Amino acid sequence: LNVQGLLGRGKYIDFLITVNGVGLWLSYLLFRICLFPTWMYIFVKDVQNHREETWDKVSTFERYGYPTVNVLLFGLSSFWFVQVTKGMLNQIRKTKKKKD
């Protein structure tokens, strides 16, 4: 279903696209950019405070693999966050130009 084809490319559609972009940006910030540092912080605190229950019971892969994957995913998420931010800002600028 092509909503733009049915409703045209009016100011309401541009507004909805802008709201959608801002929603995507906010959810990406919360669920991708904040997630990985929070996970790493909790992981480190667990290891510091409960070493015998965490670090001593897991395999070498879990000790180093999980944090490595999280750092890589954080890097990838940061790269895409820049792209999402640029797209959102471009859409906001387009919407503002049409208002003027």
N, C-alpha and C. Protein backbone atom coordinates (compact mmCIF):
# COMPACT_ATOMS: atom_id res chain seq x y z
N LEU A 1 0.85 -1.18 0.00
CA LEU A 1 0.00 0.00 0.00
C LEU A 1 0.89 1.24 0.00
N ASN A 2 0.74 2.05 -0.97
CA ASN A 2 1.53 3.25 -1.10
C ASN A 2 0.73 4.45 -0.60
N VAL A 3 1.00 4.84 0.63
CA VAL A 3 0.25 5.95 1.24
C VAL A 3 0.52 7.25 0.50
N GLN A 4 1.75 7.46 0.06
CA GLN A 4 2.06 8.69 -0.65
C GLN A 4 1.31 8.75 -1.97
N GLY A 5 1.12 7.62 -2.60
CA GLY A 5 0.37 7.60 -3.85
C GLY A 5 -1.10 7.91 -3.64
N LEU A 6 -1.65 7.48 -2.52
CA LEU A 6 -3.06 7.73 -2.24
C LEU A 6 -3.32 9.15 -1.76
N LEU A 7 -2.44 9.64 -0.92
CA LEU A 7 -2.68 10.94 -0.29
C LEU A 7 -1.88 12.08 -0.90
N GLY A 8 -1.00 11.78 -1.81
CA GLY A 8 -0.16 12.82 -2.38
C GLY A 8 1.00 13.15 -1.46
N ARG A 9 1.74 14.16 -1.84
CA ARG A 9 2.93 14.54 -1.06
C ARG A 9 2.66 15.90 -0.42
N GLY A 10 1.63 16.00 0.37
CA GLY A 10 1.24 17.26 0.98
C GLY A 10 1.97 17.52 2.27
N LYS A 11 1.58 18.61 2.92
CA LYS A 11 2.26 19.00 4.15
C LYS A 11 2.01 18.00 5.29
N TYR A 12 0.85 17.33 5.26
CA TYR A 12 0.55 16.38 6.34
C TYR A 12 1.44 15.14 6.23
N ILE A 13 1.67 14.69 5.02
CA ILE A 13 2.54 13.53 4.81
C ILE A 13 3.96 13.89 5.23
N ASP A 14 4.43 15.06 4.85
CA ASP A 14 5.78 15.49 5.26
C ASP A 14 5.88 15.58 6.78
N PHE A 15 4.83 16.09 7.40
CA PHE A 15 4.82 16.17 8.86
C PHE A 15 4.89 14.78 9.48
N LEU A 16 4.11 13.83 8.95
CA LEU A 16 4.12 12.46 9.47
C LEU A 16 5.47 11.79 9.26
N ILE A 17 6.10 12.05 8.12
CA ILE A 17 7.43 11.50 7.86
C ILE A 17 8.43 12.08 8.85
N THR A 18 8.31 13.36 9.15
CA THR A 18 9.21 14.00 10.12
C THR A 18 8.99 13.41 11.52
N VAL A 19 7.75 13.24 11.93
CA VAL A 19 7.45 12.65 13.24
C VAL A 19 8.00 11.23 13.30
N ASN A 20 7.85 10.48 12.22
CA ASN A 20 8.37 9.13 12.15
C ASN A 20 9.90 9.13 12.29
N GLY A 21 10.57 10.07 11.62
CA GLY A 21 12.03 10.16 11.70
C GLY A 21 12.50 10.50 13.11
N VAL A 22 11.81 11.41 13.75
CA VAL A 22 12.18 11.78 15.13
C VAL A 22 11.93 10.59 16.06
N GLY A 23 10.84 9.87 15.84
CA GLY A 23 10.58 8.67 16.65
C GLY A 23 11.65 7.60 16.45
N LEU A 24 12.06 7.41 15.21
CA LEU A 24 13.14 6.46 14.92
C LEU A 24 14.42 6.89 15.62
N TRP A 25 14.74 8.19 15.55
CA TRP A 25 15.95 8.70 16.17
C TRP A 25 15.93 8.49 17.68
N LEU A 26 14.81 8.82 18.31
CA LEU A 26 14.70 8.65 19.77
C LEU A 26 14.79 7.19 20.19
N SER A 27 14.10 6.32 19.45
CA SER A 27 14.16 4.89 19.81
C SER A 27 15.55 4.32 19.55
N TYR A 28 16.20 4.76 18.50
CA TYR A 28 17.56 4.30 18.22
C TYR A 28 18.51 4.75 19.32
N LEU A 29 18.34 5.99 19.76
CA LEU A 29 19.17 6.51 20.84
C LEU A 29 19.00 5.67 22.10
N LEU A 30 17.76 5.39 22.45
CA LEU A 30 17.49 4.65 23.67
C LEU A 30 17.89 3.18 23.57
N PHE A 31 17.47 2.52 22.51
CA PHE A 31 17.62 1.07 22.44
C PHE A 31 18.91 0.59 21.79
N ARG A 32 19.68 1.46 21.17
CA ARG A 32 20.95 1.03 20.58
C ARG A 32 22.14 1.75 21.22
N ILE A 33 22.08 3.06 21.29
CA ILE A 33 23.22 3.83 21.77
C ILE A 33 23.35 3.72 23.29
N CYS A 34 22.26 3.71 24.01
CA CYS A 34 22.33 3.59 25.48
C CYS A 34 22.46 2.14 25.94
N LEU A 35 22.00 1.20 25.14
CA LEU A 35 21.98 -0.20 25.54
C LEU A 35 23.38 -0.77 25.78
N PHE A 36 24.27 -0.61 24.83
CA PHE A 36 25.57 -1.29 24.91
C PHE A 36 26.47 -0.75 26.02
N PRO A 37 26.58 0.57 26.20
CA PRO A 37 27.36 1.05 27.36
C PRO A 37 26.74 0.62 28.70
N THR A 38 25.42 0.59 28.76
CA THR A 38 24.75 0.14 29.99
C THR A 38 25.07 -1.32 30.27
N TRP A 39 25.01 -2.15 29.23
CA TRP A 39 25.34 -3.56 29.37
C TRP A 39 26.78 -3.73 29.86
N MET A 40 27.69 -2.97 29.25
CA MET A 40 29.10 -3.07 29.62
C MET A 40 29.31 -2.64 31.08
N TYR A 41 28.65 -1.59 31.50
CA TYR A 41 28.76 -1.11 32.87
C TYR A 41 28.26 -2.19 33.85
N ILE A 42 27.11 -2.77 33.56
CA ILE A 42 26.56 -3.81 34.44
C ILE A 42 27.47 -5.03 34.46
N PHE A 43 28.01 -5.40 33.31
CA PHE A 43 28.92 -6.54 33.22
C PHE A 43 30.15 -6.31 34.09
N VAL A 44 30.76 -5.15 33.97
CA VAL A 44 31.97 -4.83 34.76
C VAL A 44 31.65 -4.79 36.24
N LYS A 45 30.52 -4.18 36.61
CA LYS A 45 30.14 -4.12 38.02
C LYS A 45 29.88 -5.51 38.59
N ASP A 46 29.23 -6.38 37.81
CA ASP A 46 29.01 -7.75 38.26
C ASP A 46 30.33 -8.48 38.49
N VAL A 47 31.26 -8.30 37.59
CA VAL A 47 32.57 -8.96 37.73
C VAL A 47 33.31 -8.41 38.94
N GLN A 48 33.24 -7.10 39.16
CA GLN A 48 33.93 -6.51 40.31
C GLN A 48 33.31 -6.93 41.63
N ASN A 49 32.00 -6.96 41.70
CA ASN A 49 31.32 -7.21 42.97
C ASN A 49 31.05 -8.68 43.26
N HIS A 50 30.96 -9.50 42.23
CA HIS A 50 30.62 -10.92 42.40
C HIS A 50 31.52 -11.78 41.52
N ARG A 51 32.81 -11.62 41.68
CA ARG A 51 33.76 -12.31 40.81
C ARG A 51 33.59 -13.82 40.83
N GLU A 52 33.43 -14.39 42.00
CA GLU A 52 33.34 -15.86 42.10
C GLU A 52 32.05 -16.40 41.48
N GLU A 53 31.02 -15.59 41.38
CA GLU A 53 29.75 -16.03 40.79
C GLU A 53 29.68 -15.74 39.29
N THR A 54 30.56 -14.89 38.80
CA THR A 54 30.49 -14.53 37.38
C THR A 54 31.76 -14.93 36.64
N TRP A 55 32.83 -14.21 36.85
CA TRP A 55 34.07 -14.38 36.10
C TRP A 55 34.64 -15.79 36.25
N ASP A 56 34.61 -16.31 37.46
CA ASP A 56 35.21 -17.62 37.72
C ASP A 56 34.37 -18.78 37.18
N LYS A 57 33.11 -18.57 36.87
CA LYS A 57 32.23 -19.65 36.43
C LYS A 57 32.03 -19.71 34.91
N VAL A 58 32.46 -18.70 34.18
CA VAL A 58 32.20 -18.67 32.74
C VAL A 58 33.46 -19.03 31.96
N SER A 59 33.26 -19.38 30.71
CA SER A 59 34.39 -19.77 29.85
C SER A 59 35.15 -18.54 29.37
N THR A 60 36.30 -18.78 28.80
CA THR A 60 37.12 -17.69 28.26
C THR A 60 36.39 -16.97 27.14
N PHE A 61 35.66 -17.72 26.34
CA PHE A 61 34.89 -17.10 25.27
C PHE A 61 33.88 -16.10 25.83
N GLU A 62 33.18 -16.49 26.89
CA GLU A 62 32.19 -15.59 27.49
C GLU A 62 32.86 -14.39 28.15
N ARG A 63 34.03 -14.58 28.71
CA ARG A 63 34.73 -13.47 29.37
C ARG A 63 35.13 -12.38 28.38
N TYR A 64 35.61 -12.80 27.23
CA TYR A 64 36.15 -11.82 26.28
C TYR A 64 35.30 -11.67 25.03
N GLY A 65 34.57 -12.71 24.67
CA GLY A 65 33.75 -12.66 23.46
C GLY A 65 32.56 -11.73 23.60
N TYR A 66 31.83 -11.85 24.69
CA TYR A 66 30.64 -11.02 24.87
C TYR A 66 30.98 -9.52 24.91
N PRO A 67 31.98 -9.11 25.70
CA PRO A 67 32.32 -7.67 25.67
C PRO A 67 32.82 -7.21 24.30
N THR A 68 33.58 -8.07 23.61
CA THR A 68 34.07 -7.69 22.28
C THR A 68 32.92 -7.49 21.31
N VAL A 69 31.98 -8.40 21.31
CA VAL A 69 30.81 -8.27 20.43
C VAL A 69 30.03 -7.01 20.77
N ASN A 70 29.89 -6.71 22.04
CA ASN A 70 29.16 -5.49 22.43
C ASN A 70 29.87 -4.23 21.98
N VAL A 71 31.19 -4.21 22.08
CA VAL A 71 31.94 -3.04 21.61
C VAL A 71 31.79 -2.90 20.09
N LEU A 72 31.87 -4.01 19.37
CA LEU A 72 31.69 -3.95 17.91
C LEU A 72 30.28 -3.50 17.53
N LEU A 73 29.28 -4.02 18.21
CA LEU A 73 27.91 -3.60 17.94
C LEU A 73 27.69 -2.13 18.29
N PHE A 74 28.33 -1.67 19.34
CA PHE A 74 28.23 -0.25 19.70
C PHE A 74 28.86 0.62 18.61
N GLY A 75 30.00 0.19 18.09
CA GLY A 75 30.64 0.92 17.00
C GLY A 75 29.76 0.97 15.76
N LEU A 76 29.17 -0.16 15.40
CA LEU A 76 28.27 -0.22 14.26
C LEU A 76 27.03 0.64 14.49
N SER A 77 26.48 0.56 15.68
CA SER A 77 25.31 1.37 16.02
C SER A 77 25.63 2.85 15.98
N SER A 78 26.83 3.21 16.41
CA SER A 78 27.23 4.62 16.37
C SER A 78 27.33 5.11 14.93
N PHE A 79 27.89 4.27 14.05
CA PHE A 79 27.98 4.63 12.64
C PHE A 79 26.58 4.87 12.06
N TRP A 80 25.67 3.95 12.31
CA TRP A 80 24.32 4.08 11.77
C TRP A 80 23.55 5.21 12.46
N PHE A 81 23.87 5.50 13.70
CA PHE A 81 23.22 6.61 14.39
C PHE A 81 23.53 7.93 13.69
N VAL A 82 24.75 8.07 13.21
CA VAL A 82 25.12 9.28 12.46
C VAL A 82 24.25 9.38 11.20
N GLN A 83 24.08 8.25 10.50
CA GLN A 83 23.27 8.25 9.29
C GLN A 83 21.80 8.58 9.59
N VAL A 84 21.27 7.99 10.65
CA VAL A 84 19.88 8.24 11.04
C VAL A 84 19.72 9.71 11.42
N THR A 85 20.68 10.26 12.14
CA THR A 85 20.63 11.67 12.55
C THR A 85 20.65 12.59 11.33
N LYS A 86 21.52 12.31 10.38
CA LYS A 86 21.57 13.12 9.16
C LYS A 86 20.24 13.08 8.41
N GLY A 87 19.67 11.90 8.28
CA GLY A 87 18.39 11.78 7.60
C GLY A 87 17.28 12.52 8.31
N MET A 88 17.27 12.42 9.64
CA MET A 88 16.24 13.11 10.41
C MET A 88 16.39 14.63 10.25
N LEU A 89 17.61 15.12 10.35
CA LEU A 89 17.84 16.57 10.23
C LEU A 89 17.48 17.07 8.83
N ASN A 90 17.80 16.28 7.79
CA ASN A 90 17.41 16.67 6.43
C ASN A 90 15.90 16.76 6.30
N GLN A 91 15.19 15.80 6.85
CA GLN A 91 13.72 15.82 6.78
C GLN A 91 13.15 17.01 7.55
N ILE A 92 13.72 17.31 8.71
CA ILE A 92 13.25 18.47 9.48
C ILE A 92 13.47 19.75 8.69
N ARG A 93 14.64 19.87 8.05
CA ARG A 93 14.93 21.06 7.23
C ARG A 93 13.94 21.17 6.08
N LYS A 94 13.63 20.05 5.42
CA LYS A 94 12.67 20.06 4.31
C LYS A 94 11.30 20.52 4.79
N THR A 95 10.88 20.02 5.94
CA THR A 95 9.57 20.38 6.47
C THR A 95 9.53 21.86 6.83
N LYS A 96 10.61 22.38 7.40
CA LYS A 96 10.66 23.80 7.75
C LYS A 96 10.63 24.68 6.50
N LYS A 97 11.33 24.27 5.45
CA LYS A 97 11.33 25.06 4.20
C LYS A 97 9.94 25.14 3.60
N LYS A 98 9.19 24.04 3.66
CA LYS A 98 7.84 24.05 3.10
C LYS A 98 6.90 24.91 3.92
N LYS A 99 7.18 25.05 5.22
CA LYS A 99 6.35 25.92 6.07
C LYS A 99 6.53 27.38 5.67
N ASP A 100 7.80 27.74 5.38
CA ASP A 100 8.11 29.16 5.06
C ASP A 100 7.63 29.58 3.73
